[in-house]
Amino acid sequence: MNILLVEDDLELGRALRAVLHDDGYAATWVRLAADAQRQLDTGAYAAVVLDLNLPDGDGMALMRRLRAAGRQIPVVLITARDSLGDRLSGFADGADDYLVKPFDMAELLARLRAVLRRSRPEAAGQGLWTRAGLSLDERRQAVNCDGRPLALSRTEFNLLLALMQDADRVLTRGELEDRALAGSESVTLDVHMSNLRKKIGEHRVRTVRGVGYMIAP
């Protein structure tokens, strides 16, 4: 999942990019509003983390142009502007969240995950997921593989659901254990993942060495 990071401060920008990468995101970092606009015009991003005070313009103006063009990409504003009026203006102009500097990195990640969950398409809200020849109906607890019904254990189903819900990024082992295994030992994840792969096809789950797993495109 690719995040556009717009922050002119070198130290903070490097730290934010590293934190996003460590959490499994692909992060494109730019320092100017003009560069951010070019990235948004040519690239595909799941969300924008946007500073307001930029050397060549105001991040708020960039966000207003996005919204005026009908772009619904989630935007998390990060800024030293801490007045109630600034926050209200940010939300009125289309921000999905507003974080005042200085902030804790863990809080930024939590807020980013929240806006990404809220931005999922309507089909996802109905519990329907499709990817790589697989279709998963969360409400009916049903999975089809290449059009054929597939029998999965509850844990295998939960693993596949987690992978398909966040299909554009790598899920760490810890995330998968929390969402599918209810805190079981790490070795259990390997066993269940191996069983799942045998049922849906080895090629459909990609291992990212030292990080975790993701569903194949």
N, C-alpha and C. Protein backbone atom coordinates (compact mmCIF):
# COMPACT_ATOMS: atom_id res chain seq x y z
N MET A 1 0.86 -1.18 0.00
CA MET A 1 0.00 0.00 0.00
C MET A 1 0.90 1.24 0.00
N ASN A 2 0.72 2.11 -0.98
CA ASN A 2 1.62 3.24 -1.16
C ASN A 2 1.04 4.49 -0.51
N ILE A 3 1.86 5.14 0.31
CA ILE A 3 1.47 6.37 1.00
C ILE A 3 2.31 7.52 0.47
N LEU A 4 1.68 8.64 0.16
CA LEU A 4 2.41 9.84 -0.22
C LEU A 4 2.65 10.68 1.03
N LEU A 5 3.92 10.90 1.36
CA LEU A 5 4.31 11.69 2.52
C LEU A 5 4.82 13.04 2.03
N VAL A 6 4.18 14.10 2.50
CA VAL A 6 4.56 15.46 2.10
C VAL A 6 5.01 16.21 3.35
N GLU A 7 6.32 16.37 3.51
CA GLU A 7 6.90 16.98 4.71
C GLU A 7 8.24 17.60 4.34
N ASP A 8 8.40 18.90 4.59
CA ASP A 8 9.62 19.58 4.15
C ASP A 8 10.77 19.44 5.14
N ASP A 9 10.49 19.15 6.40
CA ASP A 9 11.54 19.01 7.40
C ASP A 9 12.32 17.72 7.16
N LEU A 10 13.63 17.84 6.97
CA LEU A 10 14.44 16.68 6.61
C LEU A 10 14.45 15.61 7.69
N GLU A 11 14.67 16.02 8.93
CA GLU A 11 14.76 15.04 10.02
C GLU A 11 13.43 14.33 10.23
N LEU A 12 12.35 15.11 10.27
CA LEU A 12 11.04 14.49 10.48
C LEU A 12 10.62 13.65 9.28
N GLY A 13 10.91 14.13 8.09
CA GLY A 13 10.56 13.38 6.89
C GLY A 13 11.24 12.02 6.85
N ARG A 14 12.53 12.00 7.16
CA ARG A 14 13.26 10.72 7.18
C ARG A 14 12.67 9.78 8.23
N ALA A 15 12.36 10.33 9.40
CA ALA A 15 11.81 9.49 10.48
C ALA A 15 10.44 8.94 10.09
N LEU A 16 9.59 9.77 9.51
CA LEU A 16 8.26 9.32 9.11
C LEU A 16 8.34 8.26 8.02
N ARG A 17 9.20 8.47 7.05
CA ARG A 17 9.34 7.47 5.98
C ARG A 17 9.81 6.14 6.55
N ALA A 18 10.76 6.17 7.47
CA ALA A 18 11.26 4.93 8.07
C ALA A 18 10.16 4.21 8.85
N VAL A 19 9.37 4.97 9.61
CA VAL A 19 8.29 4.38 10.40
C VAL A 19 7.24 3.75 9.49
N LEU A 20 6.89 4.43 8.41
CA LEU A 20 5.91 3.88 7.48
C LEU A 20 6.43 2.60 6.84
N HIS A 21 7.70 2.61 6.44
CA HIS A 21 8.29 1.40 5.85
C HIS A 21 8.29 0.25 6.85
N ASP A 22 8.65 0.56 8.10
CA ASP A 22 8.70 -0.49 9.13
C ASP A 22 7.32 -1.08 9.37
N ASP A 23 6.27 -0.31 9.13
CA ASP A 23 4.91 -0.79 9.34
C ASP A 23 4.33 -1.47 8.10
N GLY A 24 5.15 -1.63 7.06
CA GLY A 24 4.72 -2.38 5.89
C GLY A 24 4.20 -1.56 4.74
N TYR A 25 4.28 -0.23 4.83
CA TYR A 25 3.81 0.62 3.74
C TYR A 25 4.96 0.96 2.80
N ALA A 26 4.62 1.21 1.55
CA ALA A 26 5.55 1.85 0.63
C ALA A 26 5.31 3.35 0.73
N ALA A 27 6.34 4.12 1.02
CA ALA A 27 6.17 5.55 1.26
C ALA A 27 6.98 6.35 0.25
N THR A 28 6.32 7.22 -0.49
CA THR A 28 6.98 8.16 -1.38
C THR A 28 7.02 9.51 -0.68
N TRP A 29 8.23 10.04 -0.46
CA TRP A 29 8.40 11.26 0.32
C TRP A 29 8.79 12.40 -0.60
N VAL A 30 8.03 13.50 -0.53
CA VAL A 30 8.37 14.74 -1.24
C VAL A 30 8.32 15.89 -0.25
N ARG A 31 9.00 17.01 -0.62
CA ARG A 31 9.11 18.12 0.31
C ARG A 31 8.42 19.39 -0.19
N LEU A 32 7.92 19.37 -1.41
CA LEU A 32 7.29 20.55 -1.99
C LEU A 32 5.87 20.25 -2.42
N ALA A 33 5.02 21.28 -2.37
CA ALA A 33 3.64 21.11 -2.81
C ALA A 33 3.57 20.76 -4.30
N ALA A 34 4.44 21.38 -5.10
CA ALA A 34 4.43 21.11 -6.54
C ALA A 34 4.79 19.66 -6.82
N ASP A 35 5.77 19.12 -6.09
CA ASP A 35 6.14 17.72 -6.28
C ASP A 35 5.01 16.79 -5.83
N ALA A 36 4.33 17.17 -4.75
CA ALA A 36 3.20 16.37 -4.28
C ALA A 36 2.10 16.34 -5.34
N GLN A 37 1.81 17.48 -5.94
CA GLN A 37 0.79 17.53 -6.97
C GLN A 37 1.15 16.65 -8.15
N ARG A 38 2.42 16.66 -8.56
CA ARG A 38 2.86 15.81 -9.67
C ARG A 38 2.71 14.34 -9.31
N GLN A 39 3.05 13.98 -8.09
CA GLN A 39 2.91 12.59 -7.67
C GLN A 39 1.45 12.17 -7.69
N LEU A 40 0.57 13.04 -7.22
CA LEU A 40 -0.85 12.71 -7.18
C LEU A 40 -1.45 12.63 -8.58
N ASP A 41 -0.89 13.41 -9.51
CA ASP A 41 -1.39 13.39 -10.89
C ASP A 41 -0.96 12.14 -11.64
N THR A 42 0.19 11.56 -11.25
CA THR A 42 0.75 10.46 -12.03
C THR A 42 0.79 9.13 -11.30
N GLY A 43 0.69 9.13 -9.96
CA GLY A 43 0.83 7.89 -9.20
C GLY A 43 -0.46 7.48 -8.52
N ALA A 44 -0.48 6.25 -8.03
CA ALA A 44 -1.64 5.71 -7.30
C ALA A 44 -1.26 5.60 -5.83
N TYR A 45 -2.00 6.29 -4.98
CA TYR A 45 -1.71 6.32 -3.55
C TYR A 45 -2.95 5.96 -2.75
N ALA A 46 -2.73 5.25 -1.65
CA ALA A 46 -3.85 4.87 -0.78
C ALA A 46 -4.22 6.00 0.17
N ALA A 47 -3.25 6.87 0.49
CA ALA A 47 -3.50 7.97 1.42
C ALA A 47 -2.36 8.97 1.31
N VAL A 48 -2.62 10.17 1.84
CA VAL A 48 -1.61 11.23 1.88
C VAL A 48 -1.42 11.67 3.33
N VAL A 49 -0.17 11.73 3.77
CA VAL A 49 0.18 12.34 5.05
C VAL A 49 0.79 13.70 4.69
N LEU A 50 0.12 14.77 5.06
CA LEU A 50 0.39 16.10 4.48
C LEU A 50 0.69 17.15 5.53
N ASP A 51 1.89 17.73 5.43
CA ASP A 51 2.25 18.89 6.24
C ASP A 51 1.58 20.13 5.62
N LEU A 52 1.24 21.10 6.45
CA LEU A 52 0.57 22.29 5.93
C LEU A 52 1.55 23.39 5.53
N ASN A 53 2.65 23.55 6.26
CA ASN A 53 3.60 24.62 5.97
C ASN A 53 4.71 24.10 5.07
N LEU A 54 4.58 24.36 3.76
CA LEU A 54 5.54 23.89 2.78
C LEU A 54 6.26 25.08 2.15
N PRO A 55 7.50 24.89 1.71
CA PRO A 55 8.28 26.02 1.18
C PRO A 55 7.64 26.73 -0.01
N ASP A 56 6.88 26.01 -0.82
CA ASP A 56 6.32 26.61 -2.03
C ASP A 56 4.80 26.74 -1.99
N GLY A 57 4.21 26.63 -0.81
CA GLY A 57 2.77 26.77 -0.75
C GLY A 57 2.19 26.19 0.52
N ASP A 58 0.88 26.21 0.59
CA ASP A 58 0.14 25.74 1.76
C ASP A 58 -0.45 24.36 1.46
N GLY A 59 -0.19 23.41 2.34
CA GLY A 59 -0.75 22.09 2.15
C GLY A 59 -2.26 22.08 2.11
N MET A 60 -2.88 23.02 2.81
CA MET A 60 -4.34 23.11 2.80
C MET A 60 -4.85 23.40 1.39
N ALA A 61 -4.14 24.26 0.65
CA ALA A 61 -4.54 24.58 -0.72
C ALA A 61 -4.43 23.34 -1.61
N LEU A 62 -3.39 22.54 -1.38
CA LEU A 62 -3.24 21.30 -2.14
C LEU A 62 -4.41 20.36 -1.87
N MET A 63 -4.80 20.24 -0.61
CA MET A 63 -5.92 19.37 -0.27
C MET A 63 -7.22 19.89 -0.87
N ARG A 64 -7.42 21.21 -0.85
CA ARG A 64 -8.64 21.77 -1.45
C ARG A 64 -8.71 21.48 -2.94
N ARG A 65 -7.57 21.53 -3.63
CA ARG A 65 -7.56 21.21 -5.07
C ARG A 65 -7.92 19.75 -5.29
N LEU A 66 -7.43 18.88 -4.43
CA LEU A 66 -7.78 17.46 -4.52
C LEU A 66 -9.28 17.27 -4.41
N ARG A 67 -9.88 17.89 -3.40
CA ARG A 67 -11.31 17.72 -3.17
C ARG A 67 -12.13 18.37 -4.28
N ALA A 68 -11.67 19.51 -4.78
CA ALA A 68 -12.39 20.18 -5.86
C ALA A 68 -12.39 19.35 -7.12
N ALA A 69 -11.34 18.53 -7.29
CA ALA A 69 -11.25 17.66 -8.46
C ALA A 69 -12.00 16.35 -8.26
N GLY A 70 -12.65 16.19 -7.10
CA GLY A 70 -13.42 14.98 -6.84
C GLY A 70 -12.59 13.83 -6.31
N ARG A 71 -11.34 14.07 -5.93
CA ARG A 71 -10.48 13.01 -5.42
C ARG A 71 -10.81 12.74 -3.96
N GLN A 72 -11.13 11.48 -3.64
CA GLN A 72 -11.53 11.11 -2.29
C GLN A 72 -10.42 10.41 -1.52
N ILE A 73 -9.18 10.49 -2.01
CA ILE A 73 -8.06 9.86 -1.32
C ILE A 73 -7.97 10.37 0.12
N PRO A 74 -7.81 9.48 1.11
CA PRO A 74 -7.72 9.93 2.50
C PRO A 74 -6.51 10.84 2.73
N VAL A 75 -6.70 11.90 3.52
CA VAL A 75 -5.64 12.85 3.84
C VAL A 75 -5.55 13.01 5.35
N VAL A 76 -4.36 12.76 5.88
CA VAL A 76 -4.07 13.02 7.29
C VAL A 76 -3.17 14.25 7.35
N LEU A 77 -3.65 15.33 7.95
CA LEU A 77 -2.85 16.54 8.08
C LEU A 77 -1.95 16.44 9.29
N ILE A 78 -0.67 16.85 9.14
CA ILE A 78 0.26 16.93 10.26
C ILE A 78 0.80 18.36 10.28
N THR A 79 0.65 19.05 11.40
CA THR A 79 0.96 20.47 11.43
C THR A 79 1.17 20.96 12.85
N ALA A 80 1.88 22.08 12.96
CA ALA A 80 2.04 22.74 14.26
C ALA A 80 0.87 23.67 14.56
N ARG A 81 -0.02 23.87 13.61
CA ARG A 81 -1.18 24.73 13.83
C ARG A 81 -2.17 24.02 14.76
N ASP A 82 -2.26 24.51 15.97
CA ASP A 82 -2.99 23.76 16.99
C ASP A 82 -4.26 24.43 17.49
N SER A 83 -4.68 25.52 16.87
CA SER A 83 -5.88 26.19 17.35
C SER A 83 -7.12 25.43 16.90
N LEU A 84 -8.21 25.64 17.63
CA LEU A 84 -9.47 25.00 17.26
C LEU A 84 -9.91 25.45 15.87
N GLY A 85 -9.72 26.72 15.56
CA GLY A 85 -10.10 27.23 14.24
C GLY A 85 -9.35 26.54 13.12
N ASP A 86 -8.05 26.30 13.33
CA ASP A 86 -7.26 25.60 12.31
C ASP A 86 -7.76 24.18 12.10
N ARG A 87 -8.06 23.50 13.21
CA ARG A 87 -8.53 22.13 13.09
C ARG A 87 -9.89 22.07 12.40
N LEU A 88 -10.77 22.98 12.77
CA LEU A 88 -12.08 23.00 12.13
C LEU A 88 -11.97 23.31 10.64
N SER A 89 -11.07 24.23 10.28
CA SER A 89 -10.87 24.55 8.87
C SER A 89 -10.32 23.34 8.11
N GLY A 90 -9.41 22.62 8.75
CA GLY A 90 -8.84 21.44 8.10
C GLY A 90 -9.90 20.40 7.78
N PHE A 91 -10.77 20.12 8.75
CA PHE A 91 -11.83 19.14 8.50
C PHE A 91 -12.85 19.67 7.50
N ALA A 92 -13.15 20.96 7.57
CA ALA A 92 -14.12 21.54 6.63
C ALA A 92 -13.62 21.49 5.20
N ASP A 93 -12.30 21.59 5.02
CA ASP A 93 -11.73 21.58 3.68
C ASP A 93 -11.46 20.17 3.15
N GLY A 94 -11.75 19.14 3.98
CA GLY A 94 -11.68 17.79 3.46
C GLY A 94 -10.70 16.85 4.11
N ALA A 95 -10.07 17.25 5.22
CA ALA A 95 -9.14 16.35 5.90
C ALA A 95 -9.89 15.18 6.53
N ASP A 96 -9.28 14.01 6.51
CA ASP A 96 -9.85 12.84 7.18
C ASP A 96 -9.39 12.75 8.63
N ASP A 97 -8.22 13.35 8.92
CA ASP A 97 -7.75 13.42 10.30
C ASP A 97 -6.75 14.57 10.39
N TYR A 98 -6.49 15.01 11.63
CA TYR A 98 -5.67 16.20 11.87
C TYR A 98 -4.81 15.91 13.08
N LEU A 99 -3.50 15.93 12.91
CA LEU A 99 -2.58 15.57 13.97
C LEU A 99 -1.62 16.74 14.22
N VAL A 100 -1.57 17.20 15.47
CA VAL A 100 -0.77 18.36 15.82
C VAL A 100 0.64 17.93 16.22
N LYS A 101 1.64 18.59 15.66
CA LYS A 101 3.03 18.33 16.03
C LYS A 101 3.33 18.99 17.38
N PRO A 102 4.21 18.36 18.18
CA PRO A 102 4.82 17.04 17.99
C PRO A 102 3.84 15.94 18.36
N PHE A 103 3.96 14.80 17.68
CA PHE A 103 3.06 13.69 17.95
C PHE A 103 3.88 12.40 18.06
N ASP A 104 3.27 11.40 18.64
CA ASP A 104 3.91 10.10 18.76
C ASP A 104 3.71 9.33 17.46
N MET A 105 4.75 8.67 16.99
CA MET A 105 4.66 7.94 15.73
C MET A 105 3.59 6.85 15.77
N ALA A 106 3.44 6.21 16.93
CA ALA A 106 2.43 5.16 17.06
C ALA A 106 1.03 5.73 16.85
N GLU A 107 0.81 6.97 17.31
CA GLU A 107 -0.50 7.59 17.10
C GLU A 107 -0.74 7.88 15.63
N LEU A 108 0.28 8.35 14.92
CA LEU A 108 0.13 8.59 13.49
C LEU A 108 -0.25 7.30 12.76
N LEU A 109 0.44 6.20 13.07
CA LEU A 109 0.14 4.92 12.42
C LEU A 109 -1.28 4.47 12.73
N ALA A 110 -1.71 4.64 13.97
CA ALA A 110 -3.07 4.24 14.35
C ALA A 110 -4.11 5.07 13.59
N ARG A 111 -3.87 6.36 13.48
CA ARG A 111 -4.82 7.22 12.77
C ARG A 111 -4.83 6.92 11.28
N LEU A 112 -3.66 6.62 10.72
CA LEU A 112 -3.57 6.28 9.31
C LEU A 112 -4.34 4.99 9.03
N ARG A 113 -4.15 3.99 9.87
CA ARG A 113 -4.90 2.74 9.68
C ARG A 113 -6.40 2.99 9.74
N ALA A 114 -6.81 3.86 10.66
CA ALA A 114 -8.25 4.13 10.82
C ALA A 114 -8.84 4.78 9.57
N VAL A 115 -8.14 5.76 9.00
CA VAL A 115 -8.69 6.42 7.81
C VAL A 115 -8.66 5.48 6.61
N LEU A 116 -7.68 4.60 6.57
CA LEU A 116 -7.63 3.63 5.47
C LEU A 116 -8.78 2.63 5.58
N ARG A 117 -9.10 2.21 6.80
CA ARG A 117 -10.25 1.31 6.97
C ARG A 117 -11.54 1.98 6.53
N ARG A 118 -11.70 3.25 6.90
CA ARG A 118 -12.93 3.96 6.55
C ARG A 118 -13.05 4.20 5.05
N SER A 119 -11.92 4.19 4.35
CA SER A 119 -11.94 4.52 2.92
C SER A 119 -12.14 3.32 2.02
N ARG A 120 -12.25 2.11 2.60
CA ARG A 120 -12.42 0.93 1.76
C ARG A 120 -13.69 1.02 0.94
N PRO A 121 -13.69 0.45 -0.26
CA PRO A 121 -14.87 0.55 -1.11
C PRO A 121 -16.12 -0.06 -0.50
N GLU A 122 -17.26 0.31 -1.03
CA GLU A 122 -18.54 -0.14 -0.49
C GLU A 122 -18.65 -1.66 -0.48
N ALA A 123 -18.09 -2.30 -1.51
CA ALA A 123 -18.14 -3.77 -1.55
C ALA A 123 -17.46 -4.37 -0.33
N ALA A 124 -16.35 -3.73 0.09
CA ALA A 124 -15.65 -4.24 1.27
C ALA A 124 -16.52 -4.07 2.51
N GLY A 125 -17.28 -2.96 2.57
CA GLY A 125 -18.16 -2.76 3.70
C GLY A 125 -19.23 -3.84 3.78
N GLN A 126 -19.56 -4.48 2.65
CA GLN A 126 -20.54 -5.55 2.64
C GLN A 126 -19.89 -6.91 2.92
N GLY A 127 -18.58 -6.90 3.19
CA GLY A 127 -17.90 -8.15 3.52
C GLY A 127 -17.57 -9.00 2.32
N LEU A 128 -17.46 -8.40 1.13
CA LEU A 128 -17.12 -9.14 -0.09
C LEU A 128 -15.73 -8.74 -0.54
N TRP A 129 -14.87 -9.73 -0.75
CA TRP A 129 -13.48 -9.46 -1.11
C TRP A 129 -13.10 -10.34 -2.29
N THR A 130 -12.41 -9.79 -3.28
CA THR A 130 -11.94 -10.57 -4.43
C THR A 130 -10.49 -10.22 -4.70
N ARG A 131 -9.71 -11.24 -5.06
CA ARG A 131 -8.30 -11.04 -5.36
C ARG A 131 -7.71 -12.32 -5.93
N ALA A 132 -6.95 -12.19 -6.99
CA ALA A 132 -6.13 -13.30 -7.52
C ALA A 132 -6.94 -14.59 -7.73
N GLY A 133 -8.13 -14.46 -8.28
CA GLY A 133 -8.95 -15.64 -8.53
C GLY A 133 -9.70 -16.15 -7.33
N LEU A 134 -9.60 -15.44 -6.21
CA LEU A 134 -10.29 -15.82 -4.98
C LEU A 134 -11.44 -14.85 -4.72
N SER A 135 -12.53 -15.36 -4.16
CA SER A 135 -13.61 -14.50 -3.68
C SER A 135 -13.99 -14.97 -2.29
N LEU A 136 -14.12 -14.01 -1.37
CA LEU A 136 -14.40 -14.32 0.03
C LEU A 136 -15.61 -13.50 0.47
N ASP A 137 -16.60 -14.20 1.00
CA ASP A 137 -17.80 -13.58 1.54
C ASP A 137 -17.73 -13.67 3.06
N GLU A 138 -17.43 -12.54 3.69
CA GLU A 138 -17.20 -12.54 5.13
C GLU A 138 -18.46 -12.91 5.91
N ARG A 139 -19.61 -12.43 5.47
CA ARG A 139 -20.84 -12.69 6.21
C ARG A 139 -21.27 -14.15 6.12
N ARG A 140 -21.08 -14.75 4.93
CA ARG A 140 -21.48 -16.14 4.75
C ARG A 140 -20.38 -17.12 5.11
N GLN A 141 -19.19 -16.60 5.43
CA GLN A 141 -18.04 -17.45 5.76
C GLN A 141 -17.76 -18.42 4.61
N ALA A 142 -17.78 -17.89 3.39
CA ALA A 142 -17.62 -18.74 2.20
C ALA A 142 -16.46 -18.23 1.36
N VAL A 143 -15.70 -19.17 0.78
CA VAL A 143 -14.58 -18.83 -0.09
C VAL A 143 -14.69 -19.64 -1.37
N ASN A 144 -14.49 -18.98 -2.50
CA ASN A 144 -14.40 -19.66 -3.80
C ASN A 144 -13.00 -19.43 -4.37
N CYS A 145 -12.47 -20.46 -4.98
CA CYS A 145 -11.16 -20.38 -5.63
C CYS A 145 -11.34 -20.79 -7.09
N ASP A 146 -11.10 -19.84 -8.00
CA ASP A 146 -11.33 -20.07 -9.43
C ASP A 146 -12.75 -20.58 -9.69
N GLY A 147 -13.70 -20.04 -8.94
CA GLY A 147 -15.11 -20.38 -9.14
C GLY A 147 -15.59 -21.61 -8.42
N ARG A 148 -14.72 -22.30 -7.69
CA ARG A 148 -15.10 -23.52 -6.97
C ARG A 148 -15.09 -23.28 -5.47
N PRO A 149 -16.10 -23.80 -4.75
CA PRO A 149 -16.13 -23.64 -3.29
C PRO A 149 -14.89 -24.27 -2.66
N LEU A 150 -14.41 -23.62 -1.60
CA LEU A 150 -13.19 -24.07 -0.93
C LEU A 150 -13.47 -24.23 0.56
N ALA A 151 -13.08 -25.36 1.12
CA ALA A 151 -13.28 -25.63 2.55
C ALA A 151 -12.04 -25.20 3.32
N LEU A 152 -12.22 -24.21 4.21
CA LEU A 152 -11.12 -23.73 5.04
C LEU A 152 -11.49 -23.86 6.51
N SER A 153 -10.48 -24.06 7.34
CA SER A 153 -10.71 -24.01 8.78
C SER A 153 -10.97 -22.56 9.18
N ARG A 154 -11.45 -22.37 10.39
CA ARG A 154 -11.73 -21.02 10.86
C ARG A 154 -10.46 -20.16 10.85
N THR A 155 -9.35 -20.71 11.29
CA THR A 155 -8.10 -19.96 11.32
C THR A 155 -7.62 -19.64 9.91
N GLU A 156 -7.72 -20.62 9.01
CA GLU A 156 -7.33 -20.38 7.62
C GLU A 156 -8.20 -19.29 6.99
N PHE A 157 -9.49 -19.33 7.30
CA PHE A 157 -10.39 -18.30 6.78
C PHE A 157 -9.97 -16.92 7.31
N ASN A 158 -9.67 -16.84 8.59
CA ASN A 158 -9.28 -15.55 9.17
C ASN A 158 -7.97 -15.04 8.59
N LEU A 159 -7.04 -15.95 8.33
CA LEU A 159 -5.78 -15.54 7.70
C LEU A 159 -6.03 -14.98 6.30
N LEU A 160 -6.83 -15.68 5.53
CA LEU A 160 -7.12 -15.23 4.17
C LEU A 160 -7.88 -13.90 4.19
N LEU A 161 -8.81 -13.76 5.13
CA LEU A 161 -9.56 -12.52 5.25
C LEU A 161 -8.62 -11.35 5.54
N ALA A 162 -7.70 -11.53 6.47
CA ALA A 162 -6.75 -10.46 6.80
C ALA A 162 -5.90 -10.09 5.59
N LEU A 163 -5.43 -11.09 4.86
CA LEU A 163 -4.60 -10.83 3.68
C LEU A 163 -5.38 -10.09 2.60
N MET A 164 -6.65 -10.44 2.42
CA MET A 164 -7.44 -9.82 1.37
C MET A 164 -7.93 -8.43 1.78
N GLN A 165 -8.15 -8.21 3.06
CA GLN A 165 -8.56 -6.89 3.52
C GLN A 165 -7.45 -5.85 3.31
N ASP A 166 -6.21 -6.27 3.44
CA ASP A 166 -5.07 -5.38 3.25
C ASP A 166 -4.20 -5.90 2.11
N ALA A 167 -4.84 -6.09 0.96
CA ALA A 167 -4.18 -6.78 -0.15
C ALA A 167 -3.03 -6.00 -0.76
N ASP A 168 -2.95 -4.69 -0.52
CA ASP A 168 -1.92 -3.89 -1.16
C ASP A 168 -0.71 -3.64 -0.29
N ARG A 169 -0.61 -4.32 0.84
CA ARG A 169 0.58 -4.15 1.67
C ARG A 169 0.97 -5.47 2.32
N VAL A 170 2.19 -5.49 2.82
CA VAL A 170 2.69 -6.66 3.52
C VAL A 170 2.18 -6.64 4.95
N LEU A 171 1.60 -7.76 5.39
CA LEU A 171 1.16 -7.90 6.78
C LEU A 171 2.26 -8.61 7.56
N THR A 172 2.65 -8.03 8.68
CA THR A 172 3.69 -8.65 9.50
C THR A 172 3.15 -9.89 10.20
N ARG A 173 4.07 -10.70 10.69
CA ARG A 173 3.66 -11.90 11.43
C ARG A 173 2.82 -11.52 12.64
N GLY A 174 3.22 -10.44 13.33
CA GLY A 174 2.48 -10.02 14.51
C GLY A 174 1.05 -9.62 14.18
N GLU A 175 0.88 -8.90 13.08
CA GLU A 175 -0.46 -8.50 12.68
C GLU A 175 -1.33 -9.70 12.37
N LEU A 176 -0.78 -10.67 11.64
CA LEU A 176 -1.55 -11.86 11.28
C LEU A 176 -1.90 -12.68 12.52
N GLU A 177 -0.96 -12.77 13.45
CA GLU A 177 -1.25 -13.52 14.68
C GLU A 177 -2.36 -12.84 15.48
N ASP A 178 -2.30 -11.49 15.55
CA ASP A 178 -3.33 -10.77 16.31
C ASP A 178 -4.71 -10.90 15.67
N ARG A 179 -4.76 -10.87 14.32
CA ARG A 179 -6.04 -10.83 13.63
C ARG A 179 -6.63 -12.21 13.34
N ALA A 180 -5.78 -13.23 13.32
CA ALA A 180 -6.28 -14.55 12.91
C ALA A 180 -6.03 -15.66 13.91
N LEU A 181 -4.99 -15.51 14.75
CA LEU A 181 -4.62 -16.62 15.62
C LEU A 181 -4.86 -16.36 17.09
N ALA A 182 -5.36 -15.18 17.42
CA ALA A 182 -5.69 -14.85 18.82
C ALA A 182 -4.50 -15.06 19.75
N GLY A 183 -3.31 -14.61 19.30
CA GLY A 183 -2.14 -14.63 20.17
C GLY A 183 -1.45 -15.97 20.29
N SER A 184 -1.68 -16.91 19.37
CA SER A 184 -1.00 -18.21 19.43
C SER A 184 0.49 -18.04 19.19
N GLU A 185 1.25 -19.09 19.44
CA GLU A 185 2.69 -19.05 19.22
C GLU A 185 2.99 -18.83 17.74
N SER A 186 4.15 -18.19 17.45
CA SER A 186 4.51 -17.86 16.07
C SER A 186 4.60 -19.09 15.18
N VAL A 187 5.06 -20.22 15.75
CA VAL A 187 5.19 -21.42 14.93
C VAL A 187 3.84 -21.85 14.38
N THR A 188 2.77 -21.57 15.12
CA THR A 188 1.44 -21.94 14.65
C THR A 188 1.08 -21.20 13.37
N LEU A 189 1.53 -19.96 13.24
CA LEU A 189 1.27 -19.19 12.02
C LEU A 189 1.84 -19.91 10.81
N ASP A 190 3.05 -20.44 10.93
CA ASP A 190 3.67 -21.14 9.81
C ASP A 190 2.85 -22.36 9.40
N VAL A 191 2.35 -23.09 10.37
CA VAL A 191 1.56 -24.29 10.07
C VAL A 191 0.28 -23.92 9.35
N HIS A 192 -0.46 -22.94 9.89
CA HIS A 192 -1.72 -22.55 9.27
C HIS A 192 -1.49 -21.91 7.89
N MET A 193 -0.43 -21.12 7.76
CA MET A 193 -0.14 -20.50 6.47
C MET A 193 0.21 -21.55 5.43
N SER A 194 0.96 -22.57 5.84
CA SER A 194 1.29 -23.65 4.93
C SER A 194 0.03 -24.39 4.46
N ASN A 195 -0.88 -24.66 5.39
CA ASN A 195 -2.13 -25.33 5.03
C ASN A 195 -2.98 -24.48 4.09
N LEU A 196 -3.03 -23.18 4.39
CA LEU A 196 -3.81 -22.28 3.53
C LEU A 196 -3.23 -22.25 2.12
N ARG A 197 -1.93 -22.19 2.01
CA ARG A 197 -1.29 -22.13 0.69
C ARG A 197 -1.58 -23.40 -0.12
N LYS A 198 -1.57 -24.52 0.55
CA LYS A 198 -1.85 -25.77 -0.15
C LYS A 198 -3.26 -25.76 -0.73
N LYS A 199 -4.19 -25.13 -0.04
CA LYS A 199 -5.58 -25.14 -0.48
C LYS A 199 -5.87 -24.10 -1.56
N ILE A 200 -5.23 -22.93 -1.47
CA ILE A 200 -5.54 -21.88 -2.45
C ILE A 200 -4.50 -21.79 -3.56
N GLY A 201 -3.36 -22.49 -3.39
CA GLY A 201 -2.29 -22.41 -4.38
C GLY A 201 -1.12 -21.62 -3.81
N GLU A 202 0.06 -22.22 -3.86
CA GLU A 202 1.25 -21.60 -3.28
C GLU A 202 1.51 -20.21 -3.85
N HIS A 203 1.20 -20.02 -5.14
CA HIS A 203 1.52 -18.76 -5.81
C HIS A 203 0.66 -17.60 -5.34
N ARG A 204 -0.40 -17.87 -4.60
CA ARG A 204 -1.33 -16.80 -4.23
C ARG A 204 -0.93 -16.06 -2.96
N VAL A 205 0.03 -16.57 -2.21
CA VAL A 205 0.52 -15.87 -1.02
C VAL A 205 2.02 -15.66 -1.19
N ARG A 206 2.43 -14.42 -1.12
CA ARG A 206 3.84 -14.07 -1.30
C ARG A 206 4.49 -13.87 0.06
N THR A 207 5.65 -14.50 0.27
CA THR A 207 6.43 -14.29 1.49
C THR A 207 7.42 -13.17 1.26
N VAL A 208 7.41 -12.16 2.12
CA VAL A 208 8.40 -11.09 2.08
C VAL A 208 9.36 -11.34 3.22
N ARG A 209 10.54 -11.82 2.88
CA ARG A 209 11.47 -12.33 3.88
C ARG A 209 11.78 -11.28 4.93
N GLY A 210 11.68 -11.69 6.19
CA GLY A 210 11.98 -10.80 7.31
C GLY A 210 10.87 -9.83 7.65
N VAL A 211 9.78 -9.85 6.89
CA VAL A 211 8.68 -8.90 7.15
C VAL A 211 7.39 -9.64 7.43
N GLY A 212 6.90 -10.39 6.43
CA GLY A 212 5.63 -11.10 6.62
C GLY A 212 5.09 -11.63 5.32
N TYR A 213 3.78 -11.48 5.10
CA TYR A 213 3.10 -12.08 3.95
C TYR A 213 2.16 -11.07 3.31
N MET A 214 1.90 -11.29 2.03
CA MET A 214 0.86 -10.52 1.35
C MET A 214 0.23 -11.39 0.28
N ILE A 215 -1.00 -11.07 -0.07
CA ILE A 215 -1.70 -11.79 -1.13
C ILE A 215 -1.13 -11.36 -2.47
N ALA A 216 -0.98 -12.28 -3.39
CA ALA A 216 -0.41 -11.95 -4.69
C ALA A 216 -1.37 -11.10 -5.49
N PRO A 217 -0.85 -10.23 -6.40
CA PRO A 217 -1.73 -9.42 -7.25
C PRO A 217 -2.58 -10.31 -8.13
